[in-house]
Amino acid sequence: MRRLGKSAALQPGDRLEKVDFPGSIWIVARLIETRHQLPHAVVVYQKIRSETRMLAVSTLLNEGFYRRLAAPLAPIS
């Protein structure tokens, strides 16, 4: 898989919190990069694992929308 500059800043397992909804934590499940589209990531809602979204990596890296959280001390199950 080729890596683009910004998407390398996100990795599967990264945890992000929505700025306007504290406590809403999303986990990067996988990155999607194609030749003709901007990089996207599939994220999973930590509280309801069946809830997923596909968002542009640029949105996830925008500090006005999401902030990155420190890695958890123990794996999330």
C-alpha atoms as a PDB file:
ATOM      1  CA  MET A   1       0.000   0.000   0.000  1.00  0.00           C
ATOM      2  CA  ARG A   2       1.420   3.362  -0.905  1.00  0.00           C
ATOM      3  CA  ARG A   3       1.338   6.084   1.710  1.00  0.00           C
ATOM      4  CA  LEU A   4       0.521   9.705   1.242  1.00  0.00           C
ATOM      5  CA  GLY A   5       1.915  12.399   3.506  1.00  0.00           C
ATOM      6  CA  LYS A   6      -1.146  13.203   5.611  1.00  0.00           C
ATOM      7  CA  SER A   7      -2.521   9.683   5.888  1.00  0.00           C
ATOM      8  CA  ALA A   8       0.786   8.516   7.372  1.00  0.00           C
ATOM      9  CA  ALA A   9      -0.147  10.723  10.333  1.00  0.00           C
ATOM     10  CA  LEU A  10      -3.068   8.371  11.074  1.00  0.00           C
ATOM     11  CA  GLN A  11      -2.710   4.676  11.747  1.00  0.00           C
ATOM     12  CA  PRO A  12      -5.200   1.914  12.502  1.00  0.00           C
ATOM     13  CA  GLY A  13      -5.880   1.893  16.228  1.00  0.00           C
ATOM     14  CA  ASP A  14      -5.548   5.669  16.630  1.00  0.00           C
ATOM     15  CA  ARG A  15      -8.241   7.112  18.903  1.00  0.00           C
ATOM     16  CA  LEU A  16      -9.965  10.405  18.100  1.00  0.00           C
ATOM     17  CA  GLU A  17     -12.532  12.422  20.046  1.00  0.00           C
ATOM     18  CA  LYS A  18     -15.099  14.691  18.399  1.00  0.00           C
ATOM     19  CA  VAL A  19     -14.396  18.231  19.555  1.00  0.00           C
ATOM     20  CA  ASP A  20     -18.066  19.266  19.720  1.00  0.00           C
ATOM     21  CA  PHE A  21     -19.148  16.047  21.488  1.00  0.00           C
ATOM     22  CA  PRO A  22     -16.754  15.198  24.350  1.00  0.00           C
ATOM     23  CA  GLY A  23     -16.736  11.495  25.136  1.00  0.00           C
ATOM     24  CA  SER A  24     -17.517  10.539  21.537  1.00  0.00           C
ATOM     25  CA  ILE A  25     -14.440   8.460  20.785  1.00  0.00           C
ATOM     26  CA  TRP A  26     -13.775   6.935  17.370  1.00  0.00           C
ATOM     27  CA  ILE A  27     -11.074   4.402  16.561  1.00  0.00           C
ATOM     28  CA  VAL A  28      -9.389   4.223  13.154  1.00  0.00           C
ATOM     29  CA  ALA A  29     -10.128   0.731  11.795  1.00  0.00           C
ATOM     30  CA  ARG A  30      -8.405   1.075   8.419  1.00  0.00           C
ATOM     31  CA  LEU A  31      -7.099   3.576   5.899  1.00  0.00           C
ATOM     32  CA  ILE A  32      -8.357   3.696   2.321  1.00  0.00           C
ATOM     33  CA  GLU A  33      -6.214   5.219  -0.394  1.00  0.00           C
ATOM     34  CA  THR A  34      -6.965   5.091  -4.087  1.00  0.00           C
ATOM     35  CA  ARG A  35      -5.365   6.726  -7.048  1.00  0.00           C
ATOM     36  CA  HIS A  36      -8.258   9.066  -7.864  1.00  0.00           C
ATOM     37  CA  GLN A  37      -9.672  10.015  -4.464  1.00  0.00           C
ATOM     38  CA  LEU A  38      -8.497  11.737  -1.331  1.00  0.00           C
ATOM     39  CA  PRO A  39      -7.385   9.399   1.478  1.00  0.00           C
ATOM     40  CA  HIS A  40     -10.187   8.239   3.767  1.00  0.00           C
ATOM     41  CA  ALA A  41     -10.387   6.259   6.983  1.00  0.00           C
ATOM     42  CA  VAL A  42     -13.008   3.907   8.325  1.00  0.00           C
ATOM     43  CA  VAL A  43     -13.621   4.713  11.988  1.00  0.00           C
ATOM     44  CA  VAL A  44     -15.547   2.720  14.595  1.00  0.00           C
ATOM     45  CA  TYR A  45     -17.458   4.258  17.500  1.00  0.00           C
ATOM     46  CA  GLN A  46     -15.862   3.001  20.710  1.00  0.00           C
ATOM     47  CA  LYS A  47     -19.159   2.587  22.601  1.00  0.00           C
ATOM     48  CA  ILE A  48     -21.115   0.907  19.768  1.00  0.00           C
ATOM     49  CA  ARG A  49     -18.729  -1.172  17.662  1.00  0.00           C
ATOM     50  CA  SER A  50     -21.333  -1.748  14.964  1.00  0.00           C
ATOM     51  CA  GLU A  51     -21.419   1.995  14.205  1.00  0.00           C
ATOM     52  CA  THR A  52     -18.845   2.876  11.562  1.00  0.00           C
ATOM     53  CA  ARG A  53     -18.172   5.861   9.331  1.00  0.00           C
ATOM     54  CA  MET A  54     -15.883   6.598   6.446  1.00  0.00           C
ATOM     55  CA  LEU A  55     -14.378  10.075   6.680  1.00  0.00           C
ATOM     56  CA  ALA A  56     -11.714  11.984   4.803  1.00  0.00           C
ATOM     57  CA  VAL A  57      -8.356  11.832   6.567  1.00  0.00           C
ATOM     58  CA  SER A  58      -8.155  15.624   6.258  1.00  0.00           C
ATOM     59  CA  THR A  59     -11.336  15.911   8.359  1.00  0.00           C
ATOM     60  CA  LEU A  60      -9.979  13.582  11.027  1.00  0.00           C
ATOM     61  CA  LEU A  61      -6.729  15.573  11.186  1.00  0.00           C
ATOM     62  CA  ASN A  62      -8.575  18.912  11.406  1.00  0.00           C
ATOM     63  CA  GLU A  63      -8.320  19.966  15.061  1.00  0.00           C
ATOM     64  CA  GLY A  64     -11.576  21.891  14.704  1.00  0.00           C
ATOM     65  CA  PHE A  65     -13.428  18.577  14.300  1.00  0.00           C
ATOM     66  CA  TYR A  66     -11.385  15.868  16.052  1.00  0.00           C
ATOM     67  CA  ARG A  67      -8.543  15.670  18.536  1.00  0.00           C
ATOM     68  CA  ARG A  68      -6.207  12.723  18.849  1.00  0.00           C
ATOM     69  CA  LEU A  69      -6.153  10.913  22.186  1.00  0.00           C
ATOM     70  CA  ALA A  70      -3.184   9.230  23.802  1.00  0.00           C
ATOM     71  CA  ALA A  71      -2.915   5.502  23.283  1.00  0.00           C
ATOM     72  CA  PRO A  72      -4.885   3.522  25.874  1.00  0.00           C
ATOM     73  CA  LEU A  73      -2.954   1.767  28.630  1.00  0.00           C
ATOM     74  CA  ALA A  74      -4.692  -1.530  27.852  1.00  0.00           C
ATOM     75  CA  PRO A  75      -6.161  -2.845  24.595  1.00  0.00           C
ATOM     76  CA  ILE A  76      -9.811  -1.983  24.028  1.00  0.00           C
ATOM     77  CA  SER A  77     -11.958  -5.092  23.719  1.00  0.00           C
END
